[in-house]
Amino acid sequence: MGLSMVPSVADAVTAWPLAGALNWLGRSGQLYALMPVSLPHLSLNDDDLYVLTHDGKVLWVGGAVDVVGDSASRARFRWALECADHAYSLEAEPGSVERLLMVWDLEAAEPVKGLCVA
């Protein structure tokens, strides 16, 4: 038998990088697929942005670079950790203009109801 060129459902699910992501709408209208992460075991990676929320309201957006290098962001992060009920992550290149725009956009983001990534 030859190899099938049609992917199986299992292949599609494992290949889809955003399976399990939740959609949030930024202040610009941009849709973001945020991956839920464990709040009690939150560990900041250099290559990711994190969004800490409480009752669907964004408390803090940033990454390891912000916590280490910016005292105002570090203070807000600590406050957000005490209040947050959810944490999310998404990839963002550190130091890029796009990352700064994503932070600004996500600071006023809202969860999108009724739309989810399969």
Protein backbone atom coordinates (compact mmCIF):
# COMPACT_ATOMS: atom_id res chain seq x y z
CA MET A 1 0.00 0.00 0.00
CA GLY A 2 1.10 3.51 -0.74
CA LEU A 3 1.17 6.44 1.65
CA SER A 4 -2.02 8.44 1.96
CA MET A 5 -1.72 12.13 1.18
CA VAL A 6 -4.93 12.93 3.07
CA PRO A 7 -4.23 13.88 6.70
CA SER A 8 -6.25 12.18 9.37
CA VAL A 9 -8.29 14.05 11.97
CA ALA A 10 -5.68 13.09 14.58
CA ASP A 11 -2.94 14.62 12.40
CA ALA A 12 -4.92 17.83 11.99
CA VAL A 13 -5.52 18.17 15.73
CA THR A 14 -1.90 17.56 16.69
CA ALA A 15 -0.62 19.82 13.89
CA TRP A 16 -2.88 22.73 14.85
CA PRO A 17 -0.70 24.81 17.16
CA LEU A 18 -3.55 26.76 18.74
CA ALA A 19 -5.82 23.91 19.78
CA GLY A 20 -7.27 24.83 23.14
CA ALA A 21 -6.66 28.55 22.65
CA LEU A 22 -9.22 31.14 23.70
CA ASN A 23 -9.97 34.12 21.50
CA TRP A 24 -9.60 37.66 22.79
CA LEU A 25 -10.32 40.83 20.85
CA GLY A 26 -7.77 43.64 21.23
CA ARG A 27 -8.65 47.32 21.32
CA SER A 28 -7.63 47.59 17.65
CA GLY A 29 -10.05 44.85 16.59
CA GLN A 30 -7.24 42.30 16.20
CA LEU A 31 -8.20 38.78 17.27
CA TYR A 32 -5.68 36.94 19.48
CA ALA A 33 -5.61 33.21 20.26
CA LEU A 34 -4.40 33.07 23.86
CA MET A 35 -3.23 29.78 25.33
CA PRO A 36 -4.34 29.15 28.91
CA VAL A 37 -1.44 28.51 31.29
CA SER A 38 -1.45 27.34 34.89
CA LEU A 39 -1.54 30.39 37.11
CA PRO A 40 -0.15 28.61 40.20
CA HIS A 41 2.78 27.29 38.12
CA LEU A 42 3.33 30.36 35.96
CA SER A 43 6.87 30.58 34.63
CA LEU A 44 7.73 33.43 32.27
CA ASN A 45 9.67 32.59 29.10
CA ASP A 46 11.63 35.20 27.17
CA ASP A 47 9.85 34.51 23.87
CA ASP A 48 6.26 34.80 25.10
CA LEU A 49 3.83 37.48 26.19
CA TYR A 50 1.56 36.77 29.12
CA VAL A 51 -1.86 38.13 29.93
CA LEU A 52 -3.12 38.00 33.53
CA THR A 53 -6.86 38.51 33.95
CA HIS A 54 -9.59 38.64 36.56
CA ASP A 55 -13.27 38.18 35.63
CA GLY A 56 -12.47 38.76 31.95
CA LYS A 57 -10.59 42.01 32.57
CA VAL A 58 -6.91 42.33 31.70
CA LEU A 59 -4.75 43.19 34.70
CA TRP A 60 -1.28 42.92 33.18
CA VAL A 61 0.36 42.15 29.83
CA GLY A 62 4.07 41.54 29.47
CA GLY A 63 6.87 39.08 29.65
CA ALA A 64 10.02 38.17 31.52
CA VAL A 65 11.87 41.12 29.99
CA ASP A 66 9.28 43.52 31.40
CA VAL A 67 9.34 42.03 34.89
CA VAL A 68 13.14 42.09 35.03
CA GLY A 69 13.82 45.40 33.31
CA ASP A 70 10.92 47.68 34.24
CA SER A 71 10.11 48.40 37.89
CA ALA A 72 6.61 49.76 37.10
CA SER A 73 5.74 46.63 35.11
CA ARG A 74 7.22 44.45 37.85
CA ALA A 75 5.02 46.13 40.49
CA ARG A 76 1.92 45.77 38.33
CA PHE A 77 2.81 42.12 37.64
CA ARG A 78 3.07 41.38 41.37
CA TRP A 79 -0.28 43.06 42.01
CA ALA A 80 -1.86 41.17 39.09
CA LEU A 81 -0.53 37.84 40.40
CA GLU A 82 -2.39 38.40 43.67
CA CYS A 83 -5.67 39.27 41.93
CA ALA A 84 -5.65 37.18 38.74
CA ASP A 85 -7.90 34.20 38.20
CA HIS A 86 -6.52 33.26 34.75
CA ALA A 87 -3.24 33.45 32.85
CA TYR A 88 -2.65 33.17 29.11
CA SER A 89 0.36 33.18 26.83
CA LEU A 90 1.16 33.86 23.20
CA GLU A 91 4.38 34.04 21.21
CA ALA A 92 5.93 37.44 20.64
CA GLU A 93 9.45 38.30 19.60
CA PRO A 94 11.20 40.18 22.42
CA GLY A 95 12.19 43.74 21.62
CA SER A 96 10.13 44.03 18.45
CA VAL A 97 7.78 46.87 17.60
CA GLU A 98 5.06 44.28 16.96
CA ARG A 99 5.44 43.04 20.54
CA LEU A 100 5.00 46.56 21.94
CA LEU A 101 1.90 47.02 19.81
CA MET A 102 0.53 43.67 21.03
CA VAL A 103 1.03 44.74 24.66
CA TRP A 104 -0.85 47.98 24.01
CA ASP A 105 -3.61 46.17 22.13
CA LEU A 106 -4.04 43.41 24.71
CA GLU A 107 -4.18 45.79 27.68
CA ALA A 108 -7.76 46.61 26.67
CA ALA A 109 -8.66 43.19 25.22
CA GLU A 110 -11.92 41.38 25.92
CA PRO A 111 -12.77 37.70 25.63
CA VAL A 112 -14.76 36.74 22.55
CA LYS A 113 -17.87 34.73 23.39
CA GLY A 114 -19.08 31.99 21.08
CA LEU A 115 -15.93 31.78 18.94
CA CYS A 116 -13.30 29.20 19.75
CA VAL A 117 -10.43 27.47 18.02
CA ALA A 118 -11.30 23.83 17.47
